[in-house]
């Protein structure tokens, strides 16, 4: 009962999850950050969502950094184009 009352006065879970995403993108005000912190202290579900969000974010960052390593430079692209053109010409 107490938690439901606090959710009403502080922040609903739907807003808390939105603020978690905003905080993850470094686009959150001090007021919103304070409200979110208060909400996370009382809501175990949003706290669990925050932990999952951290895990997903770290996995995506690792994935993107691996893709950056696989990017071809301009000379490799041009070499590839030349090989294709030679094969087309016979």
PDB file of N, CA and C in Angstrom:
ATOM      1  N   UNK A   1       0.829  -1.197   0.000  1.00  0.00           N
ATOM      2  CA  UNK A   1       0.000   0.000   0.000  1.00  0.00           C
ATOM      3  C   UNK A   1       0.871   1.257   0.000  1.00  0.00           C
ATOM      4  N   UNK A   2       1.879   1.250   0.880  1.00  0.00           N
ATOM      5  CA  UNK A   2       2.784   2.396   0.991  1.00  0.00           C
ATOM      6  C   UNK A   2       3.505   2.661  -0.325  1.00  0.00           C
ATOM      7  N   UNK A   3       3.935   1.597  -0.981  1.00  0.00           N
ATOM      8  CA  UNK A   3       4.645   1.750  -2.261  1.00  0.00           C
ATOM      9  C   UNK A   3       3.738   2.319  -3.345  1.00  0.00           C
ATOM     10  N   UNK A   4       2.468   1.912  -3.355  1.00  0.00           N
ATOM     11  CA  UNK A   4       1.546   2.454  -4.348  1.00  0.00           C
ATOM     12  C   UNK A   4       1.360   3.952  -4.153  1.00  0.00           C
ATOM     13  N   UNK A   5       1.275   4.374  -2.919  1.00  0.00           N
ATOM     14  CA  UNK A   5       1.113   5.801  -2.628  1.00  0.00           C
ATOM     15  C   UNK A   5       2.352   6.564  -3.073  1.00  0.00           C
ATOM     16  N   UNK A   6       3.523   6.014  -2.790  1.00  0.00           N
ATOM     17  CA  UNK A   6       4.771   6.683  -3.177  1.00  0.00           C
ATOM     18  C   UNK A   6       4.889   6.752  -4.693  1.00  0.00           C
ATOM     19  N   UNK A   7       4.455   5.693  -5.394  1.00  0.00           N
ATOM     20  CA  UNK A   7       4.488   5.713  -6.856  1.00  0.00           C
ATOM     21  C   UNK A   7       3.640   6.859  -7.405  1.00  0.00           C
ATOM     22  N   UNK A   8       2.526   7.101  -6.765  1.00  0.00           N
ATOM     23  CA  UNK A   8       1.642   8.181  -7.216  1.00  0.00           C
ATOM     24  C   UNK A   8       2.296   9.535  -7.001  1.00  0.00           C
ATOM     25  N   UNK A   9       2.927   9.733  -5.845  1.00  0.00           N
ATOM     26  CA  UNK A   9       3.512  11.027  -5.531  1.00  0.00           C
ATOM     27  C   UNK A   9       4.851  11.272  -6.225  1.00  0.00           C
ATOM     28  N   UNK A  10       5.661  10.254  -6.352  1.00  0.00           N
ATOM     29  CA  UNK A  10       6.978  10.448  -6.952  1.00  0.00           C
ATOM     30  C   UNK A  10       6.938  10.307  -8.463  1.00  0.00           C
ATOM     31  N   UNK A  11       6.672   9.110  -8.939  1.00  0.00           N
ATOM     32  CA  UNK A  11       6.803   8.855 -10.373  1.00  0.00           C
ATOM     33  C   UNK A  11       6.158   7.517 -10.706  1.00  0.00           C
ATOM     34  N   UNK A  12       5.352   7.420 -11.743  1.00  0.00           N
ATOM     35  CA  UNK A  12       4.846   6.109 -12.163  1.00  0.00           C
ATOM     36  C   UNK A  12       5.937   5.318 -12.883  1.00  0.00           C
ATOM     37  N   UNK A  13       5.792   4.021 -12.912  1.00  0.00           N
ATOM     38  CA  UNK A  13       6.803   3.156 -13.538  1.00  0.00           C
ATOM     39  C   UNK A  13       6.983   3.461 -15.022  1.00  0.00           C
ATOM     40  N   UNK A  14       5.918   3.801 -15.713  1.00  0.00           N
ATOM     41  CA  UNK A  14       6.035   4.098 -17.138  1.00  0.00           C
ATOM     42  C   UNK A  14       6.943   5.308 -17.374  1.00  0.00           C
ATOM     43  N   UNK A  15       6.851   6.293 -16.519  1.00  0.00           N
ATOM     44  CA  UNK A  15       7.717   7.461 -16.633  1.00  0.00           C
ATOM     45  C   UNK A  15       9.134   7.125 -16.200  1.00  0.00           C
ATOM     46  N   UNK A  16       9.262   6.278 -15.192  1.00  0.00           N
ATOM     47  CA  UNK A  16      10.588   5.894 -14.696  1.00  0.00           C
ATOM     48  C   UNK A  16      11.383   5.167 -15.771  1.00  0.00           C
ATOM     49  N   UNK A  17      10.740   4.278 -16.502  1.00  0.00           N
ATOM     50  CA  UNK A  17      11.468   3.558 -17.553  1.00  0.00           C
ATOM     51  C   UNK A  17      11.880   4.510 -18.676  1.00  0.00           C
ATOM     52  N   UNK A  18      11.030   5.477 -18.987  1.00  0.00           N
ATOM     53  CA  UNK A  18      11.387   6.479 -19.982  1.00  0.00           C
ATOM     54  C   UNK A  18      12.601   7.287 -19.516  1.00  0.00           C
ATOM     55  N   UNK A  19      12.605   7.661 -18.237  1.00  0.00           N
ATOM     56  CA  UNK A  19      13.727   8.426 -17.698  1.00  0.00           C
ATOM     57  C   UNK A  19      15.007   7.592 -17.643  1.00  0.00           C
ATOM     58  N   UNK A  20      14.866   6.287 -17.443  1.00  0.00           N
ATOM     59  CA  UNK A  20      16.045   5.418 -17.492  1.00  0.00           C
ATOM     60  C   UNK A  20      16.676   5.453 -18.879  1.00  0.00           C
ATOM     61  N   UNK A  21      15.839   5.426 -19.898  1.00  0.00           N
ATOM     62  CA  UNK A  21      16.345   5.508 -21.267  1.00  0.00           C
ATOM     63  C   UNK A  21      16.990   6.865 -21.534  1.00  0.00           C
ATOM     64  N   UNK A  22      16.357   7.933 -21.028  1.00  0.00           N
ATOM     65  CA  UNK A  22      16.926   9.268 -21.205  1.00  0.00           C
ATOM     66  C   UNK A  22      18.268   9.392 -20.492  1.00  0.00           C
ATOM     67  N   UNK A  23      18.341   8.822 -19.289  1.00  0.00           N
ATOM     68  CA  UNK A  23      19.596   8.878 -18.537  1.00  0.00           C
ATOM     69  C   UNK A  23      20.680   8.086 -19.251  1.00  0.00           C
ATOM     70  N   UNK A  24      20.306   6.994 -19.850  1.00  0.00           N
ATOM     71  CA  UNK A  24      21.251   6.176 -20.609  1.00  0.00           C
ATOM     72  C   UNK A  24      21.813   6.957 -21.798  1.00  0.00           C
ATOM     73  N   UNK A  25      21.004   7.869 -22.341  1.00  0.00           N
ATOM     74  CA  UNK A  25      21.429   8.696 -23.468  1.00  0.00           C
ATOM     75  C   UNK A  25      22.038  10.023 -23.005  1.00  0.00           C
ATOM     76  N   UNK A  26      22.247  10.173 -21.706  1.00  0.00           N
ATOM     77  CA  UNK A  26      22.804  11.407 -21.114  1.00  0.00           C
ATOM     78  C   UNK A  26      21.972  12.631 -21.471  1.00  0.00           C
ATOM     79  N   UNK A  27      20.670  12.478 -21.387  1.00  0.00           N
ATOM     80  CA  UNK A  27      19.771  13.567 -21.763  1.00  0.00           C
ATOM     81  C   UNK A  27      18.703  13.746 -20.681  1.00  0.00           C
ATOM     82  N   UNK A  28      19.131  13.895 -19.423  1.00  0.00           N
ATOM     83  CA  UNK A  28      18.200  13.962 -18.307  1.00  0.00           C
ATOM     84  C   UNK A  28      18.542  15.157 -17.422  1.00  0.00           C
ATOM     85  N   UNK A  29      17.510  15.838 -16.937  1.00  0.00           N
ATOM     86  CA  UNK A  29      17.724  17.000 -16.074  1.00  0.00           C
ATOM     87  C   UNK A  29      18.005  16.540 -14.639  1.00  0.00           C
ATOM     88  N   UNK A  30      18.453  17.464 -13.813  1.00  0.00           N
ATOM     89  CA  UNK A  30      18.740  17.122 -12.413  1.00  0.00           C
ATOM     90  C   UNK A  30      17.467  16.728 -11.680  1.00  0.00           C
ATOM     91  N   UNK A  31      16.383  17.436 -11.956  1.00  0.00           N
ATOM     92  CA  UNK A  31      15.102  17.127 -11.309  1.00  0.00           C
ATOM     93  C   UNK A  31      14.648  15.718 -11.680  1.00  0.00           C
ATOM     94  N   UNK A  32      14.706  15.412 -12.980  1.00  0.00           N
ATOM     95  CA  UNK A  32      14.305  14.077 -13.429  1.00  0.00           C
ATOM     96  C   UNK A  32      15.204  13.002 -12.835  1.00  0.00           C
ATOM     97  N   UNK A  33      16.484  13.296 -12.745  1.00  0.00           N
ATOM     98  CA  UNK A  33      17.425  12.334 -12.172  1.00  0.00           C
ATOM     99  C   UNK A  33      17.103  12.078 -10.701  1.00  0.00           C
ATOM    100  N   UNK A  34      16.755  13.122  -9.970  1.00  0.00           N
ATOM    101  CA  UNK A  34      16.401  12.969  -8.558  1.00  0.00           C
ATOM    102  C   UNK A  34      15.125  12.150  -8.416  1.00  0.00           C
ATOM    103  N   UNK A  35      14.103  12.475  -9.239  1.00  0.00           N
ATOM    104  CA  UNK A  35      12.855  11.725  -9.190  1.00  0.00           C
ATOM    105  C   UNK A  35      13.090  10.247  -9.511  1.00  0.00           C
ATOM    106  N   UNK A  36      13.915  10.002 -10.503  1.00  0.00           N
ATOM    107  CA  UNK A  36      14.224   8.628 -10.890  1.00  0.00           C
ATOM    108  C   UNK A  36      14.947   7.896  -9.773  1.00  0.00           C
ATOM    109  N   UNK A  37      15.881   8.554  -9.141  1.00  0.00           N
ATOM    110  CA  UNK A  37      16.617   7.933  -8.031  1.00  0.00           C
ATOM    111  C   UNK A  37      15.679   7.548  -6.899  1.00  0.00           C
ATOM    112  N   UNK A  38      14.746   8.429  -6.576  1.00  0.00           N
ATOM    113  CA  UNK A  38      13.767   8.132  -5.515  1.00  0.00           C
ATOM    114  C   UNK A  38      12.891   6.954  -5.917  1.00  0.00           C
ATOM    115  N   UNK A  39      12.480   6.933  -7.157  1.00  0.00           N
ATOM    116  CA  UNK A  39      11.635   5.843  -7.635  1.00  0.00           C
ATOM    117  C   UNK A  39      12.383   4.508  -7.571  1.00  0.00           C
ATOM    118  N   UNK A  40      13.635   4.514  -8.005  1.00  0.00           N
ATOM    119  CA  UNK A  40      14.410   3.269  -8.033  1.00  0.00           C
ATOM    120  C   UNK A  40      14.682   2.721  -6.635  1.00  0.00           C
ATOM    121  N   UNK A  41      14.669   3.585  -5.635  1.00  0.00           N
ATOM    122  CA  UNK A  41      14.883   3.121  -4.257  1.00  0.00           C
ATOM    123  C   UNK A  41      13.700   2.327  -3.734  1.00  0.00           C
ATOM    124  N   UNK A  42      12.521   2.569  -4.300  1.00  0.00           N
ATOM    125  CA  UNK A  42      11.341   1.875  -3.776  1.00  0.00           C
ATOM    126  C   UNK A  42      10.772   0.827  -4.724  1.00  0.00           C
ATOM    127  N   UNK A  43      11.143   0.862  -5.999  1.00  0.00           N
ATOM    128  CA  UNK A  43      10.522  -0.030  -6.986  1.00  0.00           C
ATOM    129  C   UNK A  43      11.518  -1.090  -7.457  1.00  0.00           C
ATOM    130  N   UNK A  44      11.299  -2.315  -7.045  1.00  0.00           N
ATOM    131  CA  UNK A  44      12.219  -3.389  -7.424  1.00  0.00           C
ATOM    132  C   UNK A  44      12.115  -3.728  -8.911  1.00  0.00           C
ATOM    133  N   UNK A  45      10.949  -3.495  -9.518  1.00  0.00           N
ATOM    134  CA  UNK A  45      10.777  -3.826 -10.926  1.00  0.00           C
ATOM    135  C   UNK A  45      11.560  -2.875 -11.817  1.00  0.00           C
ATOM    136  N   UNK A  46      11.502  -1.613 -11.489  1.00  0.00           N
ATOM    137  CA  UNK A  46      12.253  -0.637 -12.289  1.00  0.00           C
ATOM    138  C   UNK A  46      13.753  -0.769 -12.049  1.00  0.00           C
ATOM    139  N   UNK A  47      14.125  -1.160 -10.849  1.00  0.00           N
ATOM    140  CA  UNK A  47      15.539  -1.403 -10.551  1.00  0.00           C
ATOM    141  C   UNK A  47      16.044  -2.580 -11.391  1.00  0.00           C
ATOM    142  N   UNK A  48      15.227  -3.611 -11.504  1.00  0.00           N
ATOM    143  CA  UNK A  48      15.592  -4.764 -12.339  1.00  0.00           C
ATOM    144  C   UNK A  48      15.682  -4.350 -13.805  1.00  0.00           C
ATOM    145  N   UNK A  49      14.765  -3.490 -14.245  1.00  0.00           N
ATOM    146  CA  UNK A  49      14.803  -2.982 -15.622  1.00  0.00           C
ATOM    147  C   UNK A  49      16.088  -2.200 -15.862  1.00  0.00           C
ATOM    148  N   UNK A  50      16.499  -1.412 -14.873  1.00  0.00           N
ATOM    149  CA  UNK A  50      17.734  -0.642 -14.988  1.00  0.00           C
ATOM    150  C   UNK A  50      18.940  -1.562 -15.167  1.00  0.00           C
ATOM    151  N   UNK A  51      18.987  -2.659 -14.420  1.00  0.00           N
ATOM    152  CA  UNK A  51      20.094  -3.605 -14.541  1.00  0.00           C
ATOM    153  C   UNK A  51      20.109  -4.267 -15.918  1.00  0.00           C
ATOM    154  N   UNK A  52      18.933  -4.647 -16.410  1.00  0.00           N
ATOM    155  CA  UNK A  52      18.860  -5.249 -17.749  1.00  0.00           C
ATOM    156  C   UNK A  52      19.262  -4.250 -18.821  1.00  0.00           C
ATOM    157  N   UNK A  53      18.878  -2.998 -18.630  1.00  0.00           N
ATOM    158  CA  UNK A  53      19.241  -1.953 -19.575  1.00  0.00           C
ATOM    159  C   UNK A  53      20.756  -1.770 -19.633  1.00  0.00           C
ATOM    160  N   UNK A  54      21.416  -1.840 -18.488  1.00  0.00           N
ATOM    161  CA  UNK A  54      22.877  -1.719 -18.447  1.00  0.00           C
ATOM    162  C   UNK A  54      23.536  -2.865 -19.203  1.00  0.00           C
ATOM    163  N   UNK A  55      23.014  -4.074 -19.000  1.00  0.00           N
ATOM    164  CA  UNK A  55      23.574  -5.251 -19.667  1.00  0.00           C
ATOM    165  C   UNK A  55      23.400  -5.143 -21.182  1.00  0.00           C
ATOM    166  N   UNK A  56      22.190  -4.795 -21.617  1.00  0.00           N
ATOM    167  CA  UNK A  56      21.937  -4.657 -23.047  1.00  0.00           C
ATOM    168  C   UNK A  56      22.785  -3.565 -23.670  1.00  0.00           C
ATOM    169  N   UNK A  57      22.934  -2.462 -22.973  1.00  0.00           N
ATOM    170  CA  UNK A  57      23.735  -1.363 -23.492  1.00  0.00           C
ATOM    171  C   UNK A  57      25.197  -1.772 -23.660  1.00  0.00           C
ATOM    172  N   UNK A  58      25.736  -2.488 -22.678  1.00  0.00           N
ATOM    173  CA  UNK A  58      27.132  -2.916 -22.795  1.00  0.00           C
ATOM    174  C   UNK A  58      27.309  -3.920 -23.931  1.00  0.00           C
ATOM    175  N   UNK A  59      26.347  -4.824 -24.113  1.00  0.00           N
ATOM    176  CA  UNK A  59      26.429  -5.779 -25.219  1.00  0.00           C
ATOM    177  C   UNK A  59      26.359  -5.072 -26.571  1.00  0.00           C
ATOM    178  N   UNK A  60      25.477  -4.092 -26.690  1.00  0.00           N
ATOM    179  CA  UNK A  60      25.366  -3.347 -27.947  1.00  0.00           C
ATOM    180  C   UNK A  60      26.629  -2.543 -28.231  1.00  0.00           C
ATOM    181  N   UNK A  61      27.224  -1.957 -27.209  1.00  0.00           N
ATOM    182  CA  UNK A  61      28.456  -1.200 -27.407  1.00  0.00           C
ATOM    183  C   UNK A  61      29.582  -2.112 -27.870  1.00  0.00           C
ATOM    184  N   UNK A  62      29.660  -3.321 -27.285  1.00  0.00           N
ATOM    185  CA  UNK A  62      30.676  -4.275 -27.721  1.00  0.00           C
ATOM    186  C   UNK A  62      30.447  -4.669 -29.175  1.00  0.00           C
ATOM    187  N   UNK A  63      29.196  -4.904 -29.526  1.00  0.00           N
ATOM    188  CA  UNK A  63      28.849  -5.306 -30.892  1.00  0.00           C
ATOM    189  C   UNK A  63      29.206  -4.206 -31.888  1.00  0.00           C
ATOM    190  N   UNK A  64      28.883  -2.970 -31.543  1.00  0.00           N
ATOM    191  CA  UNK A  64      29.187  -1.853 -32.436  1.00  0.00           C
ATOM    192  C   UNK A  64      30.687  -1.634 -32.574  1.00  0.00           C
ATOM    193  N   UNK A  65      31.437  -1.831 -31.505  1.00  0.00           N
ATOM    194  CA  UNK A  65      32.884  -1.645 -31.605  1.00  0.00           C
ATOM    195  C   UNK A  65      33.499  -2.721 -32.489  1.00  0.00           C
ATOM    196  N   UNK A  66      32.962  -3.930 -32.460  1.00  0.00           N
ATOM    197  CA  UNK A  66      33.452  -4.987 -33.341  1.00  0.00           C
ATOM    198  C   UNK A  66      33.131  -4.668 -34.796  1.00  0.00           C
ATOM    199  N   UNK A  67      31.958  -4.100 -35.048  1.00  0.00           N
ATOM    200  CA  UNK A  67      31.588  -3.734 -36.419  1.00  0.00           C
ATOM    201  C   UNK A  67      32.479  -2.620 -36.934  1.00  0.00           C
ATOM    202  N   UNK A  68      32.878  -1.695 -36.065  1.00  0.00           N
ATOM    203  CA  UNK A  68      33.771  -0.607 -36.476  1.00  0.00           C
ATOM    204  C   UNK A  68      35.118  -1.145 -36.926  1.00  0.00           C
ATOM    205  N   UNK A  69      35.570  -2.238 -36.313  1.00  0.00           N
ATOM    206  CA  UNK A  69      36.851  -2.825 -36.693  1.00  0.00           C
ATOM    207  C   UNK A  69      36.774  -3.462 -38.082  1.00  0.00           C
ATOM    208  N   UNK A  70      35.587  -3.871 -38.478  1.00  0.00           N
ATOM    209  CA  UNK A  70      35.409  -4.566 -39.750  1.00  0.00           C
ATOM    210  C   UNK A  70      35.115  -3.636 -40.922  1.00  0.00           C
ATOM    211  N   UNK A  71      35.108  -2.356 -40.692  1.00  0.00           N
ATOM    212  CA  UNK A  71      34.804  -1.404 -41.764  1.00  0.00           C
ATOM    213  C   UNK A  71      35.972  -1.366 -42.752  1.00  0.00           C
ATOM    214  N   UNK A  72      35.623  -1.421 -44.029  1.00  0.00           N
ATOM    215  CA  UNK A  72      36.638  -1.384 -45.082  1.00  0.00           C
ATOM    216  C   UNK A  72      37.047   0.057 -45.360  1.00  0.00           C
ATOM    217  N   UNK A  73      38.313   0.247 -45.701  1.00  0.00           N
ATOM    218  CA  UNK A  73      38.737   1.595 -46.075  1.00  0.00           C
ATOM    219  C   UNK A  73      38.486   1.803 -47.572  1.00  0.00           C
ATOM    220  N   UNK A  74      38.685   3.019 -48.029  1.00  0.00           N
ATOM    221  CA  UNK A  74      38.370   3.374 -49.418  1.00  0.00           C
ATOM    222  C   UNK A  74      39.178   2.574 -50.435  1.00  0.00           C
ATOM    223  N   UNK A  75      40.450   2.325 -50.158  1.00  0.00           N
ATOM    224  CA  UNK A  75      41.271   1.588 -51.126  1.00  0.00           C
ATOM    225  C   UNK A  75      40.785   0.149 -51.286  1.00  0.00           C
ATOM    226  N   UNK A  76      40.343  -0.467 -50.196  1.00  0.00           N
ATOM    227  CA  UNK A  76      39.813  -1.827 -50.286  1.00  0.00           C
ATOM    228  C   UNK A  76      38.518  -1.857 -51.091  1.00  0.00           C
ATOM    229  N   UNK A  77      37.707  -0.852 -50.916  1.00  0.00           N
ATOM    230  CA  UNK A  77      36.457  -0.776 -51.671  1.00  0.00           C
ATOM    231  C   UNK A  77      36.745  -0.588 -53.158  1.00  0.00           C
ATOM    232  N   UNK A  78      37.693   0.279 -53.465  1.00  0.00           N
ATOM    233  CA  UNK A  78      38.046   0.518 -54.867  1.00  0.00           C
ATOM    234  C   UNK A  78      38.652  -0.731 -55.500  1.00  0.00           C
ATOM    235  N   UNK A  79      39.495  -1.455 -54.768  1.00  0.00           N
ATOM    236  CA  UNK A  79      40.051  -2.714 -55.274  1.00  0.00           C
ATOM    237  C   UNK A  79      38.948  -3.718 -55.587  1.00  0.00           C
ATOM    238  N   UNK A  80      37.971  -3.791 -54.706  1.00  0.00           N
ATOM    239  CA  UNK A  80      36.852  -4.694 -54.914  1.00  0.00           C
ATOM    240  C   UNK A  80      36.078  -4.316 -56.177  1.00  0.00           C
ATOM    241  N   UNK A  81      35.832  -3.025 -56.345  1.00  0.00           N
ATOM    242  CA  UNK A  81      35.129  -2.559 -57.547  1.00  0.00           C
ATOM    243  C   UNK A  81      35.913  -2.902 -58.812  1.00  0.00           C
ATOM    244  N   UNK A  82      37.217  -2.704 -58.781  1.00  0.00           N
ATOM    245  CA  UNK A  82      38.057  -3.016 -59.941  1.00  0.00           C
ATOM    246  C   UNK A  82      38.007  -4.496 -60.287  1.00  0.00           C
ATOM    247  N   UNK A  83      38.045  -5.353 -59.292  1.00  0.00           N
ATOM    248  CA  UNK A  83      37.969  -6.797 -59.533  1.00  0.00           C
ATOM    249  C   UNK A  83      36.645  -7.171 -60.165  1.00  0.00           C
ATOM    250  N   UNK A  84      35.581  -6.576 -59.691  1.00  0.00           N
ATOM    251  CA  UNK A  84      34.256  -6.847 -60.262  1.00  0.00           C
ATOM    252  C   UNK A  84      34.206  -6.386 -61.715  1.00  0.00           C
ATOM    253  N   UNK A  85      34.737  -5.201 -61.989  1.00  0.00           N
ATOM    254  CA  UNK A  85      34.736  -4.697 -63.363  1.00  0.00           C
ATOM    255  C   UNK A  85      35.544  -5.581 -64.293  1.00  0.00           C
ATOM    256  N   UNK A  86      36.675  -6.115 -63.831  1.00  0.00           N
ATOM    257  CA  UNK A  86      37.487  -7.014 -64.653  1.00  0.00           C
ATOM    258  C   UNK A  86      36.734  -8.290 -64.959  1.00  0.00           C
ATOM    259  N   UNK A  87      36.001  -8.791 -63.994  1.00  0.00           N
ATOM    260  CA  UNK A  87      35.239 -10.018 -64.228  1.00  0.00           C
ATOM    261  C   UNK A  87      34.071  -9.779 -65.179  1.00  0.00           C
ATOM    262  N   UNK A  88      33.525  -8.607 -65.150  1.00  0.00           N
ATOM    263  CA  UNK A  88      32.415  -8.277 -66.056  1.00  0.00           C
ATOM    264  C   UNK A  88      32.926  -8.169 -67.492  1.00  0.00           C
ATOM    265  N   UNK A  89      34.095  -7.586 -67.662  1.00  0.00           N
ATOM    266  CA  UNK A  89      34.677  -7.386 -69.001  1.00  0.00           C
ATOM    267  C   UNK A  89      35.121  -8.687 -69.643  1.00  0.00           C
ATOM    268  N   UNK A  90      35.357  -9.725 -68.910  1.00  0.00           N
ATOM    269  CA  UNK A  90      35.872 -11.004 -69.372  1.00  0.00           C
ATOM    270  C   UNK A  90      37.288 -10.838 -69.730  1.00  0.00           C
TER     271      UNK A  90
END
